[in-house]
Amino acid sequence: MTSAQPLVPTRLPANGQDVFNYLAGEYASNHQIHLVITFEAHLDAGILAAAIRHIMDAEPVLGCRFVEHPQAAYWERRQDLDALNLCPVVETVQPEEDLRAFIAQATDSRHDLQLQAKIFREQDRDLLCLKVDHASVDGGGVKTCASLLSRLYSLLCEGQRPTLSDQIPRRDVEPYLEKLGIKDPRQAWDPTKMPPPPTWSFPSRQQQNREPFFLTRSFGAAQFQALKGYAKGRGATINDLLLTACYRALFALTGTPEHQPQPLRLTVDLRDRMPEGNRPVAANVSSAFDALFPFVAGESFFDTLARLSRQIALMKQSQAEVPIALLFELFGMMPFTETKGWFDRSRNQVLDTKHATPHLSNIGIIEPLAFGPHTASQAYVVTPAMFAPGFMLGVSTYQQVMTLVVHAYASDVDKRDMQDFLDKIVEDLLPSTT
């Protein structure tokens, strides 16, 4: 850190994942990620607004808007940040309803803030919601931004002025590629290793993208610990348990024929594969890979888990996330219009086949969030609302409480199917907690 306050850049390059997630907002989802945080006290809204203003300097992309350009899209610094109300407070007796209305509000990366915040205030507690544009930040970045915001708030509570690094924070996966010995993604990328086209999807109707809604289910701290113990005792992970339950629920809902392998995409936070101290904060640095797994009638949860965990272990050993990570890098090297054309073709294929590979995105553990003297009692991530036939199960864990989220549009999916999906997952996982 330095005592001098360096100039904040007025323009930043948009990397390949930024472009991908920006275009996904037109083709695949509402490209918003929300972090919902509960405090059993009232925050100082003025200090929080100041902390948000500071984070927009510490992580400059948060103070930018997305600019399309035929050759190379970029981020342009907004000039009105000091004039904005960065943390409005809503006094309410119906915080859950007001929260859902805020989450349902659409955003435009070209005009709106990359980070928005709102406090829903009851008599003795605050519900803070951070709305983050996926064009600039992924799920792992939302967690790290929240941690940074809590530290900035705490410093301001103590009367200290946060200082900025004299280095522009990195927003790329270069440390990950260096670790793999990859110097030129164009030479390293092998299209034959990309996941195959989708062959199934969550049940849905014609895409209209109206009436977004989300549903949640939670496992308490004791249940979460029991799940970890159950997984460890069988040489598996929490993610393996979730993937197994997700597959079994989808098999039941879709009536998948026996022994027909179906793909399910798992997202990967590449920060975990970078050296500590060199991990981006407000950035898109993710990848994904597809499991390919068949339905076996009458199989127990334990037997499904055993088969699936072996497959996932082999895929991790083979670094199955590399092809999609390299594809994202190629998007950053291609002209913006060419990447948009790729999206057009991919989306047309989805609409023609009515198939889209379901996603499982485990955001992971959210570190304890202490805003000055107040530590959040609850927190969970709401992943983007997916356009049909796309579908995602989002997962996050705070204070050992694991929350599952599905986010979609009532015009496109039957809410009862979403409820059944979550209920089937809980039904499969609950016996592991006793």
Protein backbone atom coordinates (compact mmCIF):
# COMPACT_ATOMS: atom_id res chain seq x y z
CA MET A 1 0.00 0.00 0.00
CA THR A 2 1.11 3.56 -0.53
CA SER A 3 0.21 6.81 1.17
CA ALA A 4 -0.19 8.62 -2.16
CA GLN A 5 -3.52 8.12 -3.89
CA PRO A 6 -2.71 7.07 -7.48
CA LEU A 7 -4.88 8.02 -10.40
CA VAL A 8 -7.64 5.54 -11.20
CA PRO A 9 -7.55 4.43 -14.86
CA THR A 10 -10.31 5.81 -17.06
CA ARG A 11 -10.32 2.79 -19.37
CA LEU A 12 -9.70 -0.93 -18.83
CA PRO A 13 -9.65 -3.77 -21.36
CA ALA A 14 -12.54 -6.23 -21.25
CA ASN A 15 -11.14 -9.75 -21.05
CA GLY A 16 -12.64 -12.74 -22.83
CA GLN A 17 -14.77 -13.78 -19.87
CA ASP A 18 -16.11 -10.23 -19.48
CA VAL A 19 -17.24 -10.33 -23.11
CA PHE A 20 -18.68 -13.82 -22.69
CA ASN A 21 -20.70 -12.88 -19.60
CA TYR A 22 -21.81 -9.58 -21.11
CA LEU A 23 -23.20 -11.40 -24.14
CA ALA A 24 -24.69 -14.06 -21.86
CA GLY A 25 -26.91 -11.26 -20.55
CA GLU A 26 -28.51 -11.14 -23.97
CA TYR A 27 -28.55 -14.86 -24.74
CA ALA A 28 -28.42 -16.99 -21.59
CA SER A 29 -29.22 -15.26 -18.28
CA ASN A 30 -29.90 -11.93 -16.59
CA HIS A 31 -26.12 -11.81 -15.80
CA GLN A 32 -26.64 -10.65 -12.21
CA ILE A 33 -25.19 -12.17 -9.05
CA HIS A 34 -26.61 -11.13 -5.68
CA LEU A 35 -25.17 -11.53 -2.21
CA VAL A 36 -27.79 -11.30 0.53
CA ILE A 37 -26.33 -10.48 3.97
CA THR A 38 -28.24 -10.28 7.27
CA PHE A 39 -27.11 -8.24 10.29
CA GLU A 40 -28.80 -8.36 13.69
CA ALA A 41 -28.13 -4.63 14.00
CA HIS A 42 -28.18 -1.47 11.91
CA LEU A 43 -25.21 -0.57 9.71
CA ASP A 44 -24.12 3.03 9.19
CA ALA A 45 -25.42 3.66 5.67
CA GLY A 46 -23.19 6.70 5.21
CA ILE A 47 -20.04 4.76 6.07
CA LEU A 48 -21.15 1.88 3.87
CA ALA A 49 -21.71 4.26 0.95
CA ALA A 50 -18.20 5.65 1.49
CA ALA A 51 -16.78 2.11 1.57
CA ILE A 52 -18.55 1.33 -1.71
CA ARG A 53 -17.10 4.49 -3.24
CA HIS A 54 -13.62 3.42 -2.08
CA ILE A 55 -13.98 -0.10 -3.51
CA MET A 56 -14.80 1.47 -6.89
CA ASP A 57 -11.32 3.01 -6.79
CA ALA A 58 -9.58 -0.04 -5.32
CA GLU A 59 -11.20 -2.26 -7.99
CA PRO A 60 -11.68 0.22 -10.86
CA VAL A 61 -13.88 -2.01 -13.02
CA LEU A 62 -16.65 -1.58 -10.43
CA GLY A 63 -16.81 2.11 -11.31
CA CYS A 64 -17.03 1.50 -15.04
CA ARG A 65 -19.56 0.83 -17.75
CA PHE A 66 -19.18 -1.70 -20.57
CA VAL A 67 -18.54 -0.26 -24.03
CA GLU A 68 -19.09 -2.34 -27.15
CA HIS A 69 -16.55 -1.91 -29.93
CA PRO A 70 -16.36 -3.93 -33.16
CA GLN A 71 -12.75 -4.87 -32.50
CA ALA A 72 -12.25 -4.86 -28.73
CA ALA A 73 -14.86 -4.06 -26.08
CA TYR A 74 -13.62 -2.16 -23.03
CA TRP A 75 -14.56 -0.71 -19.65
CA GLU A 76 -14.95 3.07 -19.40
CA ARG A 77 -14.84 4.94 -16.09
CA ARG A 78 -18.05 6.70 -15.07
CA GLN A 79 -17.73 10.38 -14.22
CA ASP A 80 -20.74 10.64 -11.90
CA LEU A 81 -19.73 8.29 -9.07
CA ASP A 82 -19.39 11.04 -6.45
CA ALA A 83 -22.91 12.29 -7.18
CA LEU A 84 -24.68 8.94 -6.75
CA ASN A 85 -26.47 7.54 -3.72
CA LEU A 86 -24.46 4.34 -3.47
CA CYS A 87 -26.35 2.80 -0.57
CA PRO A 88 -30.05 3.69 -0.27
CA VAL A 89 -31.93 2.50 2.82
CA VAL A 90 -35.48 1.16 2.62
CA GLU A 91 -37.41 1.15 5.90
CA THR A 92 -39.68 -1.87 5.64
CA VAL A 93 -41.89 -4.35 7.44
CA GLN A 94 -41.68 -6.75 4.49
CA PRO A 95 -37.93 -7.10 3.84
CA GLU A 96 -38.20 -10.39 1.97
CA GLU A 97 -40.71 -9.00 -0.55
CA ASP A 98 -38.69 -5.81 -1.05
CA LEU A 99 -35.49 -7.83 -1.41
CA ARG A 100 -37.02 -10.01 -4.11
CA ALA A 101 -38.25 -6.94 -5.99
CA PHE A 102 -34.71 -5.49 -5.92
CA ILE A 103 -33.20 -8.76 -7.13
CA ALA A 104 -35.76 -8.87 -9.96
CA GLN A 105 -34.74 -5.43 -11.27
CA ALA A 106 -32.95 -5.66 -14.62
CA THR A 107 -29.59 -3.97 -15.20
CA ASP A 108 -27.67 -2.85 -18.27
CA SER A 109 -23.87 -3.21 -18.20
CA ARG A 110 -23.55 -0.25 -20.57
CA HIS A 111 -25.29 2.20 -18.24
CA ASP A 112 -25.79 0.85 -14.72
CA LEU A 113 -23.32 0.46 -11.87
CA GLN A 114 -21.39 -2.80 -11.78
CA LEU A 115 -21.96 -2.91 -8.01
CA GLN A 116 -25.23 -1.75 -6.49
CA ALA A 117 -26.20 -1.99 -2.83
CA LYS A 118 -29.40 -1.51 -0.88
CA ILE A 119 -30.23 -1.89 2.81
CA PHE A 120 -33.66 -3.22 3.77
CA ARG A 121 -34.09 -2.04 7.34
CA GLU A 122 -36.35 -3.50 10.01
CA GLN A 123 -36.68 -2.30 13.57
CA ASP A 124 -33.68 -4.22 14.89
CA ARG A 125 -31.84 -5.64 11.89
CA ASP A 126 -30.57 -4.87 8.39
CA LEU A 127 -30.75 -6.95 5.25
CA LEU A 128 -27.97 -5.82 2.88
CA CYS A 129 -28.12 -6.92 -0.75
CA LEU A 130 -25.20 -6.47 -3.14
CA LYS A 131 -26.20 -6.63 -6.82
CA VAL A 132 -23.17 -7.36 -9.00
CA ASP A 133 -23.03 -7.43 -12.79
CA HIS A 134 -21.63 -10.75 -14.01
CA ALA A 135 -20.09 -8.93 -16.98
CA SER A 136 -17.40 -7.67 -14.61
CA VAL A 137 -17.35 -10.11 -11.67
CA ASP A 138 -17.98 -13.84 -11.20
CA GLY A 139 -19.29 -15.67 -8.14
CA GLY A 140 -15.87 -16.04 -6.56
CA GLY A 141 -15.28 -12.35 -7.14
CA VAL A 142 -18.53 -11.44 -5.40
CA LYS A 143 -17.24 -13.20 -2.27
CA THR A 144 -13.87 -11.45 -2.38
CA CYS A 145 -15.49 -8.07 -3.10
CA ALA A 146 -17.73 -8.51 -0.05
CA SER A 147 -14.70 -9.31 2.12
CA LEU A 148 -12.87 -6.24 0.81
CA LEU A 149 -15.96 -4.09 1.37
CA SER A 150 -16.20 -5.28 4.98
CA ARG A 151 -12.55 -4.35 5.58
CA LEU A 152 -13.03 -0.90 4.03
CA TYR A 153 -16.14 -0.31 6.15
CA SER A 154 -14.26 -1.35 9.28
CA LEU A 155 -11.35 0.99 8.51
CA LEU A 156 -13.74 3.89 7.98
CA CYS A 157 -15.49 3.05 11.27
CA GLU A 158 -12.11 3.44 12.98
CA GLY A 159 -11.59 6.84 11.37
CA GLN A 160 -8.89 5.59 9.01
CA ARG A 161 -8.70 6.48 5.34
CA PRO A 162 -8.14 3.46 3.07
CA THR A 163 -5.21 3.75 0.70
CA LEU A 164 -4.92 2.39 -2.81
CA SER A 165 -2.25 0.21 -4.31
CA ASP A 166 -0.12 1.91 -6.94
CA GLN A 167 -0.72 -1.13 -9.17
CA ILE A 168 -3.84 -1.64 -11.26
CA PRO A 169 -5.38 -4.85 -9.88
CA ARG A 170 -5.11 -7.81 -12.20
CA ARG A 171 -8.21 -9.22 -13.84
CA ASP A 172 -6.77 -12.12 -15.84
CA VAL A 173 -5.92 -15.82 -15.55
CA GLU A 174 -2.26 -15.44 -16.51
CA PRO A 175 -0.99 -16.95 -13.20
CA TYR A 176 -3.16 -20.02 -13.88
CA LEU A 177 -1.87 -20.38 -17.44
CA GLU A 178 1.73 -19.88 -16.31
CA LYS A 179 1.30 -22.69 -13.80
CA LEU A 180 0.22 -24.93 -16.69
CA GLY A 181 3.12 -23.78 -18.86
CA ILE A 182 0.76 -22.26 -21.44
CA LYS A 183 2.19 -19.21 -23.21
CA ASP A 184 -0.14 -18.95 -26.20
CA PRO A 185 -3.79 -20.04 -25.68
CA ARG A 186 -4.31 -20.15 -29.45
CA GLN A 187 -1.71 -22.88 -29.81
CA ALA A 188 -2.78 -24.74 -26.66
CA TRP A 189 -6.52 -24.84 -27.38
CA ASP A 190 -7.77 -28.14 -28.76
CA PRO A 191 -11.39 -27.93 -30.01
CA THR A 192 -11.73 -31.73 -29.90
CA LYS A 193 -11.51 -31.54 -26.10
CA MET A 194 -14.48 -29.18 -25.77
CA PRO A 195 -17.67 -30.56 -24.19
CA PRO A 196 -20.14 -32.09 -26.67
CA PRO A 197 -23.38 -30.27 -27.60
CA PRO A 198 -26.18 -30.43 -24.99
CA THR A 199 -28.51 -33.42 -25.16
CA TRP A 200 -31.06 -32.59 -22.44
CA SER A 201 -32.36 -29.76 -20.29
CA PHE A 202 -34.52 -28.86 -17.33
CA PRO A 203 -38.24 -29.01 -18.27
CA SER A 204 -39.29 -25.63 -19.69
CA ARG A 205 -41.67 -23.78 -21.98
CA GLN A 206 -41.04 -21.24 -24.73
CA GLN A 207 -38.58 -18.54 -23.65
CA GLN A 208 -40.24 -15.26 -22.65
CA ASN A 209 -38.07 -14.17 -19.69
CA ARG A 210 -40.90 -12.69 -17.63
CA GLU A 211 -41.48 -12.78 -13.86
CA PRO A 212 -38.10 -13.81 -12.42
CA PHE A 213 -38.22 -15.74 -9.16
CA PHE A 214 -35.83 -17.73 -7.01
CA LEU A 215 -36.26 -20.56 -4.52
CA THR A 216 -33.91 -21.62 -1.73
CA ARG A 217 -33.28 -24.56 0.56
CA SER A 218 -30.77 -24.56 3.41
CA PHE A 219 -28.83 -27.10 5.44
CA GLY A 220 -27.98 -25.96 8.97
CA ALA A 221 -24.50 -26.06 10.47
CA ALA A 222 -24.92 -29.49 12.08
CA GLN A 223 -26.32 -30.92 8.84
CA PHE A 224 -23.49 -29.38 6.82
CA GLN A 225 -20.88 -30.92 9.11
CA ALA A 226 -22.63 -34.28 8.83
CA LEU A 227 -22.59 -34.01 5.02
CA LYS A 228 -18.86 -33.25 5.06
CA GLY A 229 -18.24 -36.25 7.29
CA TYR A 230 -20.39 -38.51 5.12
CA ALA A 231 -18.53 -37.42 1.98
CA LYS A 232 -15.08 -37.72 3.54
CA GLY A 233 -15.84 -41.20 4.83
CA ARG A 234 -16.55 -42.30 1.26
CA GLY A 235 -13.61 -40.61 -0.41
CA ALA A 236 -15.86 -37.92 -1.87
CA THR A 237 -16.45 -34.17 -1.49
CA ILE A 238 -19.44 -31.95 -0.74
CA ASN A 239 -19.49 -31.10 -4.46
CA ASP A 240 -19.71 -34.81 -5.30
CA LEU A 241 -22.73 -35.13 -3.00
CA LEU A 242 -24.39 -32.11 -4.60
CA LEU A 243 -23.66 -33.32 -8.12
CA THR A 244 -25.02 -36.78 -7.33
CA ALA A 245 -28.23 -35.37 -5.86
CA CYS A 246 -28.56 -32.92 -8.76
CA TYR A 247 -28.22 -35.69 -11.34
CA ARG A 248 -30.72 -37.92 -9.57
CA ALA A 249 -33.26 -35.08 -9.32
CA LEU A 250 -32.85 -34.23 -13.01
CA PHE A 251 -33.12 -37.90 -14.01
CA ALA A 252 -36.43 -38.12 -12.13
CA LEU A 253 -37.84 -34.88 -13.56
CA THR A 254 -36.85 -35.51 -17.18
CA GLY A 255 -37.56 -39.23 -17.40
CA THR A 256 -34.10 -39.88 -18.82
CA PRO A 257 -33.73 -43.32 -20.47
CA GLU A 258 -31.52 -45.77 -18.61
CA HIS A 259 -27.81 -45.99 -19.50
CA GLN A 260 -27.92 -42.83 -21.65
CA PRO A 261 -25.09 -40.53 -20.44
CA GLN A 262 -26.14 -36.92 -19.90
CA PRO A 263 -23.89 -33.86 -19.32
CA LEU A 264 -23.94 -31.61 -16.28
CA ARG A 265 -21.59 -28.61 -16.18
CA LEU A 266 -19.61 -27.72 -13.07
CA THR A 267 -18.15 -24.24 -12.73
CA VAL A 268 -14.58 -23.81 -11.45
CA ASP A 269 -13.11 -20.76 -9.69
CA LEU A 270 -9.59 -20.46 -11.12
CA ARG A 271 -8.51 -18.31 -8.17
CA ASP A 272 -8.10 -21.58 -6.30
CA ARG A 273 -5.50 -22.61 -8.87
CA MET A 274 -3.47 -19.39 -8.61
CA PRO A 275 -0.76 -18.48 -6.07
CA GLU A 276 -2.03 -16.65 -2.99
CA GLY A 277 -1.38 -12.94 -3.26
CA ASN A 278 -1.85 -13.10 -7.02
CA ARG A 279 -5.57 -13.81 -7.15
CA PRO A 280 -7.91 -11.28 -8.77
CA VAL A 281 -10.76 -9.75 -6.76
CA ALA A 282 -13.31 -8.00 -9.00
CA ALA A 283 -12.90 -10.14 -12.10
CA ASN A 284 -14.23 -13.02 -14.16
CA VAL A 285 -11.65 -15.78 -13.76
CA SER A 286 -13.73 -18.95 -13.92
CA SER A 287 -13.94 -22.03 -16.07
CA ALA A 288 -16.08 -25.17 -16.23
CA PHE A 289 -16.16 -28.77 -17.34
CA ASP A 290 -18.88 -31.31 -18.07
CA ALA A 291 -19.50 -34.52 -16.22
CA LEU A 292 -21.10 -37.14 -18.47
CA PHE A 293 -23.12 -39.62 -16.49
CA PRO A 294 -25.82 -42.25 -17.19
CA PHE A 295 -29.00 -43.06 -15.27
CA VAL A 296 -29.23 -46.53 -13.69
CA ALA A 297 -32.72 -47.51 -12.54
CA GLY A 298 -33.09 -48.54 -8.91
CA GLU A 299 -29.58 -47.44 -7.97
CA SER A 300 -29.06 -46.20 -4.41
CA PHE A 301 -27.69 -42.74 -3.65
CA PHE A 302 -24.52 -44.33 -2.26
CA ASP A 303 -23.89 -46.34 -5.45
CA THR A 304 -24.54 -43.31 -7.67
CA LEU A 305 -22.15 -41.28 -5.52
CA ALA A 306 -19.45 -43.95 -5.75
CA ARG A 307 -19.62 -44.07 -9.56
CA LEU A 308 -19.79 -40.31 -9.98
CA SER A 309 -17.05 -39.38 -7.48
CA ARG A 310 -14.61 -41.69 -9.28
CA GLN A 311 -15.37 -39.98 -12.59
CA ILE A 312 -14.99 -36.48 -11.13
CA ALA A 313 -11.68 -37.39 -9.47
CA LEU A 314 -10.30 -38.52 -12.84
CA MET A 315 -11.55 -35.35 -14.55
CA LYS A 316 -9.89 -33.16 -11.93
CA GLN A 317 -6.62 -35.06 -12.38
CA SER A 318 -6.81 -34.46 -16.14
CA GLN A 319 -7.50 -30.71 -15.59
CA ALA A 320 -10.79 -30.96 -17.44
CA GLU A 321 -11.48 -27.23 -16.97
CA VAL A 322 -8.59 -26.20 -19.26
CA PRO A 323 -10.42 -26.29 -22.66
CA ILE A 324 -13.16 -23.86 -21.60
CA ALA A 325 -10.62 -21.63 -19.83
CA LEU A 326 -8.66 -21.42 -23.09
CA LEU A 327 -11.83 -20.75 -25.10
CA PHE A 328 -12.53 -17.75 -22.87
CA GLU A 329 -9.02 -16.50 -23.61
CA LEU A 330 -9.69 -16.84 -27.34
CA PHE A 331 -12.82 -14.72 -26.96
CA GLY A 332 -10.58 -11.97 -25.60
CA MET A 333 -8.37 -12.18 -28.69
CA MET A 334 -11.19 -12.27 -31.24
CA PRO A 335 -12.96 -9.14 -32.52
CA PHE A 336 -16.04 -8.42 -30.43
CA THR A 337 -18.32 -8.85 -33.45
CA GLU A 338 -16.85 -12.31 -34.12
CA THR A 339 -17.50 -13.42 -30.54
CA LYS A 340 -21.06 -12.11 -30.81
CA GLY A 341 -21.49 -14.16 -33.98
CA TRP A 342 -20.35 -17.27 -32.10
CA PHE A 343 -23.02 -16.55 -29.47
CA ASP A 344 -25.67 -16.10 -32.17
CA ARG A 345 -24.92 -19.53 -33.60
CA SER A 346 -24.79 -21.20 -30.19
CA ARG A 347 -28.08 -19.65 -29.07
CA ASN A 348 -29.81 -20.64 -32.31
CA GLN A 349 -28.67 -24.22 -31.71
CA VAL A 350 -30.14 -24.14 -28.20
CA LEU A 351 -33.46 -22.76 -29.44
CA ASP A 352 -33.61 -25.28 -32.29
CA THR A 353 -32.83 -28.32 -30.13
CA LYS A 354 -34.46 -26.98 -26.93
CA HIS A 355 -31.47 -28.46 -25.08
CA ALA A 356 -29.09 -26.68 -22.70
CA THR A 357 -26.67 -28.45 -20.37
CA PRO A 358 -27.71 -27.87 -16.73
CA HIS A 359 -25.14 -26.16 -14.48
CA LEU A 360 -24.02 -26.68 -10.90
CA SER A 361 -22.20 -23.65 -9.51
CA ASN A 362 -20.88 -24.06 -5.98
CA ILE A 363 -19.62 -20.60 -5.03
CA GLY A 364 -18.09 -22.16 -1.93
CA ILE A 365 -17.50 -20.76 1.53
CA ILE A 366 -18.14 -17.08 2.21
CA GLU A 367 -15.68 -15.88 4.84
CA PRO A 368 -17.16 -14.25 8.00
CA LEU A 369 -18.25 -10.72 7.11
CA ALA A 370 -17.46 -8.27 9.92
CA PHE A 371 -18.57 -4.72 9.12
CA GLY A 372 -17.04 -2.79 11.99
CA PRO A 373 -18.56 -4.15 15.22
CA HIS A 374 -21.27 -6.08 13.36
CA THR A 375 -20.66 -9.58 12.01
CA ALA A 376 -23.25 -10.86 9.56
CA SER A 377 -25.44 -13.62 10.97
CA GLN A 378 -26.45 -15.00 7.56
CA ALA A 379 -25.31 -14.72 3.95
CA TYR A 380 -26.02 -16.50 0.69
CA VAL A 381 -25.52 -15.98 -3.04
CA VAL A 382 -28.34 -15.81 -5.58
CA THR A 383 -26.93 -16.95 -8.92
CA PRO A 384 -28.22 -15.48 -12.23
CA ALA A 385 -31.75 -16.09 -13.50
CA MET A 386 -31.31 -18.46 -16.43
CA PHE A 387 -33.15 -18.12 -19.74
CA ALA A 388 -34.98 -21.33 -20.68
CA PRO A 389 -33.98 -23.99 -21.43
CA GLY A 390 -30.88 -23.06 -19.41
CA PHE A 391 -30.79 -24.06 -15.75
CA MET A 392 -28.41 -23.64 -12.81
CA LEU A 393 -28.26 -24.85 -9.23
CA GLY A 394 -26.31 -22.31 -7.18
CA VAL A 395 -24.74 -23.18 -3.83
CA SER A 396 -22.98 -21.09 -1.19
CA THR A 397 -22.03 -21.61 2.45
CA TYR A 398 -21.77 -19.09 5.29
CA GLN A 399 -21.08 -19.90 8.93
CA GLN A 400 -21.49 -23.57 7.95
CA VAL A 401 -25.03 -23.02 6.66
CA MET A 402 -25.24 -24.25 3.06
CA THR A 403 -27.88 -22.61 0.85
CA LEU A 404 -29.14 -23.98 -2.47
CA VAL A 405 -30.68 -21.55 -4.99
CA VAL A 406 -32.50 -21.93 -8.29
CA HIS A 407 -33.34 -18.76 -10.22
CA ALA A 408 -35.56 -18.71 -13.30
CA TYR A 409 -38.61 -17.11 -14.96
CA ALA A 410 -42.19 -18.06 -14.13
CA SER A 411 -43.14 -17.53 -17.78
CA ASP A 412 -40.71 -20.27 -18.86
CA VAL A 413 -40.64 -22.95 -16.16
CA ASP A 414 -43.19 -24.48 -13.82
CA LYS A 415 -42.40 -23.33 -10.30
CA ARG A 416 -43.60 -26.71 -9.03
CA ASP A 417 -40.87 -28.41 -11.09
CA MET A 418 -38.28 -26.17 -9.44
CA GLN A 419 -39.70 -26.97 -6.00
CA ASP A 420 -39.73 -30.69 -6.80
CA PHE A 421 -36.12 -30.48 -7.97
CA LEU A 422 -34.97 -28.90 -4.70
CA ASP A 423 -37.12 -31.23 -2.63
CA LYS A 424 -35.60 -34.28 -4.34
CA ILE A 425 -32.09 -33.00 -3.59
CA VAL A 426 -32.94 -32.44 0.06
CA GLU A 427 -34.61 -35.85 0.22
CA ASP A 428 -31.44 -37.51 -1.11
CA LEU A 429 -29.04 -35.56 1.11
CA LEU A 430 -30.92 -35.51 4.43
CA PRO A 431 -30.27 -39.21 5.28
CA SER A 432 -26.55 -38.39 5.10
CA THR A 433 -26.97 -35.90 7.96
CA THR A 434 -28.29 -38.38 10.53
